[in-house]
Amino acid sequence: MATVTSNGLLMLTNGTNQLKGHAFFPAPLQFHRAPNNTAMQSFSTAFVIGIIGAFEDQGSLAAAAGSGRAA
């Protein structure tokens, strides 16, 4: 039931209790500059996860982001 909202967020469930959702990108991501090149392209990403509880005073949020430096 995964959908993309009008503001670009990926919504995995529709609010139904105990519903699980998942999403996969349909094609491999290319990280090399050219097919025979071993150099990797630089990229960054961030994930934000919100969990809304059954009661309005319950919920959870998690976020992960890189340091911005190459390893």
N, C-alpha and C. Protein backbone atom coordinates (compact mmCIF):
# COMPACT_ATOMS: atom_id res chain seq x y z
N MET A 1 0.82 -1.19 0.00
CA MET A 1 0.00 0.00 0.00
C MET A 1 0.86 1.24 0.00
N ALA A 2 2.12 1.13 -0.31
CA ALA A 2 3.03 2.28 -0.31
C ALA A 2 2.61 3.29 -1.38
N THR A 3 2.60 4.57 -0.99
CA THR A 3 2.27 5.64 -1.92
C THR A 3 3.20 6.83 -1.66
N VAL A 4 3.33 7.70 -2.64
CA VAL A 4 4.08 8.94 -2.48
C VAL A 4 3.06 10.05 -2.28
N THR A 5 3.20 10.81 -1.19
CA THR A 5 2.26 11.87 -0.88
C THR A 5 2.49 13.08 -1.79
N SER A 6 1.58 14.04 -1.76
CA SER A 6 1.68 15.22 -2.62
C SER A 6 2.91 16.07 -2.31
N ASN A 7 3.46 15.96 -1.08
CA ASN A 7 4.67 16.72 -0.74
C ASN A 7 5.94 15.88 -0.86
N GLY A 8 5.85 14.70 -1.52
CA GLY A 8 7.02 13.92 -1.85
C GLY A 8 7.46 12.90 -0.82
N LEU A 9 6.68 12.70 0.24
CA LEU A 9 7.04 11.70 1.25
C LEU A 9 6.54 10.32 0.85
N LEU A 10 7.29 9.30 1.20
CA LEU A 10 6.88 7.93 0.95
C LEU A 10 6.07 7.46 2.15
N MET A 11 4.78 7.17 1.95
CA MET A 11 3.90 6.70 3.02
C MET A 11 3.70 5.20 2.84
N LEU A 12 4.11 4.42 3.84
CA LEU A 12 4.08 2.97 3.72
C LEU A 12 2.78 2.34 4.20
N THR A 13 2.02 3.02 5.04
CA THR A 13 0.74 2.48 5.52
C THR A 13 -0.32 3.57 5.46
N ASN A 14 -1.56 3.18 5.70
CA ASN A 14 -2.67 4.14 5.62
C ASN A 14 -3.33 4.40 6.97
N GLY A 15 -2.67 4.06 8.06
CA GLY A 15 -3.23 4.30 9.39
C GLY A 15 -3.96 3.11 9.98
N THR A 16 -4.12 2.03 9.23
CA THR A 16 -4.75 0.83 9.76
C THR A 16 -3.86 0.24 10.84
N ASN A 17 -4.45 -0.15 11.97
CA ASN A 17 -3.67 -0.71 13.08
C ASN A 17 -2.88 -1.95 12.65
N GLN A 18 -1.65 -2.02 13.08
CA GLN A 18 -0.74 -3.15 12.87
C GLN A 18 -0.51 -3.48 11.40
N LEU A 19 -0.65 -2.51 10.52
CA LEU A 19 -0.38 -2.72 9.11
C LEU A 19 1.10 -2.48 8.85
N LYS A 20 1.74 -3.35 8.09
CA LYS A 20 3.15 -3.21 7.75
C LYS A 20 3.25 -2.82 6.28
N GLY A 21 4.24 -2.00 5.95
CA GLY A 21 4.43 -1.60 4.57
C GLY A 21 5.90 -1.63 4.20
N HIS A 22 6.19 -1.70 2.91
CA HIS A 22 7.57 -1.67 2.43
C HIS A 22 7.58 -1.10 1.01
N ALA A 23 8.75 -0.66 0.59
CA ALA A 23 8.91 -0.13 -0.76
C ALA A 23 10.33 -0.41 -1.23
N PHE A 24 10.46 -0.73 -2.50
CA PHE A 24 11.76 -0.96 -3.12
C PHE A 24 11.83 -0.15 -4.41
N PHE A 25 12.99 0.44 -4.68
CA PHE A 25 13.19 1.15 -5.94
C PHE A 25 13.27 0.10 -7.04
N PRO A 26 12.60 0.30 -8.18
CA PRO A 26 12.49 -0.76 -9.19
C PRO A 26 13.73 -1.03 -10.03
N ALA A 27 14.77 -0.21 -9.91
CA ALA A 27 15.96 -0.41 -10.74
C ALA A 27 17.21 -0.22 -9.88
N PRO A 28 18.31 -0.89 -10.24
CA PRO A 28 19.56 -0.71 -9.48
C PRO A 28 20.06 0.73 -9.58
N LEU A 29 20.65 1.22 -8.51
CA LEU A 29 21.26 2.55 -8.52
C LEU A 29 22.69 2.42 -9.03
N GLN A 30 23.08 3.27 -9.97
CA GLN A 30 24.41 3.23 -10.55
C GLN A 30 25.32 4.19 -9.79
N PHE A 31 26.41 3.69 -9.22
CA PHE A 31 27.32 4.52 -8.44
C PHE A 31 28.66 4.74 -9.13
N HIS A 32 28.94 4.04 -10.23
CA HIS A 32 30.19 4.24 -10.96
C HIS A 32 29.99 5.30 -12.04
N ARG A 33 31.03 6.07 -12.31
CA ARG A 33 30.95 7.14 -13.31
C ARG A 33 30.79 6.58 -14.73
N ALA A 34 31.45 5.49 -15.02
CA ALA A 34 31.38 4.85 -16.33
C ALA A 34 31.40 3.33 -16.11
N PRO A 35 30.92 2.55 -17.06
CA PRO A 35 30.85 1.09 -16.86
C PRO A 35 32.18 0.44 -16.48
N ASN A 36 33.32 0.90 -17.02
CA ASN A 36 34.61 0.27 -16.73
C ASN A 36 35.43 1.03 -15.70
N ASN A 37 34.87 2.05 -15.09
CA ASN A 37 35.58 2.88 -14.13
C ASN A 37 35.34 2.34 -12.72
N THR A 38 36.38 2.28 -11.92
CA THR A 38 36.23 1.78 -10.55
C THR A 38 35.96 2.90 -9.56
N ALA A 39 36.03 4.16 -10.00
CA ALA A 39 35.77 5.29 -9.10
C ALA A 39 34.27 5.38 -8.81
N MET A 40 33.95 5.60 -7.56
CA MET A 40 32.55 5.71 -7.16
C MET A 40 32.13 7.18 -7.15
N GLN A 41 30.89 7.44 -7.50
CA GLN A 41 30.35 8.78 -7.39
C GLN A 41 29.97 9.03 -5.93
N SER A 42 30.12 10.25 -5.50
CA SER A 42 29.73 10.64 -4.16
C SER A 42 28.22 10.85 -4.10
N PHE A 43 27.61 10.47 -3.00
CA PHE A 43 26.19 10.72 -2.81
C PHE A 43 25.90 10.81 -1.32
N SER A 44 24.76 11.36 -1.00
CA SER A 44 24.32 11.40 0.40
C SER A 44 22.83 11.15 0.45
N THR A 45 22.36 10.73 1.60
CA THR A 45 20.94 10.47 1.79
C THR A 45 20.58 10.65 3.25
N ALA A 46 19.33 10.80 3.52
CA ALA A 46 18.84 10.90 4.90
C ALA A 46 17.52 10.15 4.98
N PHE A 47 17.27 9.54 6.11
CA PHE A 47 16.02 8.82 6.36
C PHE A 47 15.35 9.41 7.59
N VAL A 48 14.07 9.64 7.51
CA VAL A 48 13.28 10.07 8.66
C VAL A 48 12.09 9.13 8.75
N ILE A 49 11.88 8.56 9.92
CA ILE A 49 10.81 7.59 10.13
C ILE A 49 9.91 8.11 11.24
N GLY A 50 8.63 8.19 10.99
CA GLY A 50 7.67 8.60 12.02
C GLY A 50 6.70 7.47 12.30
N ILE A 51 6.47 7.19 13.56
CA ILE A 51 5.52 6.17 13.97
C ILE A 51 4.45 6.86 14.82
N ILE A 52 3.22 6.78 14.38
CA ILE A 52 2.12 7.42 15.09
C ILE A 52 1.38 6.35 15.88
N GLY A 53 1.27 6.54 17.18
CA GLY A 53 0.62 5.57 18.05
C GLY A 53 -0.90 5.63 17.97
N ALA A 54 -1.56 4.68 18.62
CA ALA A 54 -3.01 4.61 18.63
C ALA A 54 -3.62 5.76 19.43
N PHE A 55 -2.87 6.33 20.35
CA PHE A 55 -3.35 7.43 21.17
C PHE A 55 -2.57 8.69 20.81
N GLU A 56 -3.19 9.85 20.87
CA GLU A 56 -2.56 11.07 20.39
C GLU A 56 -1.32 11.47 21.17
N ASP A 57 -1.13 10.99 22.40
CA ASP A 57 0.06 11.35 23.17
C ASP A 57 1.18 10.32 23.03
N GLN A 58 1.03 9.36 22.12
CA GLN A 58 2.06 8.35 21.88
C GLN A 58 2.56 8.46 20.45
N GLY A 59 3.81 8.10 20.25
CA GLY A 59 4.39 8.10 18.91
C GLY A 59 5.89 7.99 19.00
N SER A 60 6.54 7.97 17.87
CA SER A 60 7.99 7.83 17.84
C SER A 60 8.50 8.45 16.55
N LEU A 61 9.75 8.85 16.57
CA LEU A 61 10.39 9.40 15.38
C LEU A 61 11.85 8.99 15.40
N ALA A 62 12.39 8.61 14.25
CA ALA A 62 13.80 8.27 14.14
C ALA A 62 14.35 8.96 12.90
N ALA A 63 15.58 9.39 12.98
CA ALA A 63 16.22 10.03 11.83
C ALA A 63 17.66 9.55 11.74
N ALA A 64 18.17 9.39 10.52
CA ALA A 64 19.56 8.99 10.30
C ALA A 64 20.12 9.87 9.19
N ALA A 65 21.32 10.37 9.39
CA ALA A 65 21.97 11.19 8.37
C ALA A 65 23.47 11.00 8.45
N GLY A 66 24.14 11.06 7.33
CA GLY A 66 25.59 10.91 7.29
C GLY A 66 26.29 12.15 7.81
N SER A 67 27.60 12.02 7.98
CA SER A 67 28.39 13.12 8.51
C SER A 67 28.75 14.15 7.44
N GLY A 68 28.56 13.80 6.18
CA GLY A 68 28.94 14.70 5.11
C GLY A 68 30.39 14.55 4.69
N ARG A 69 31.11 13.62 5.33
CA ARG A 69 32.52 13.37 4.99
C ARG A 69 32.64 11.99 4.35
N ALA A 70 33.54 11.86 3.42
CA ALA A 70 33.80 10.56 2.80
C ALA A 70 34.54 9.68 3.79
N ALA A 71 34.21 8.40 3.78
CA ALA A 71 34.86 7.46 4.71
C ALA A 71 36.24 7.10 4.24
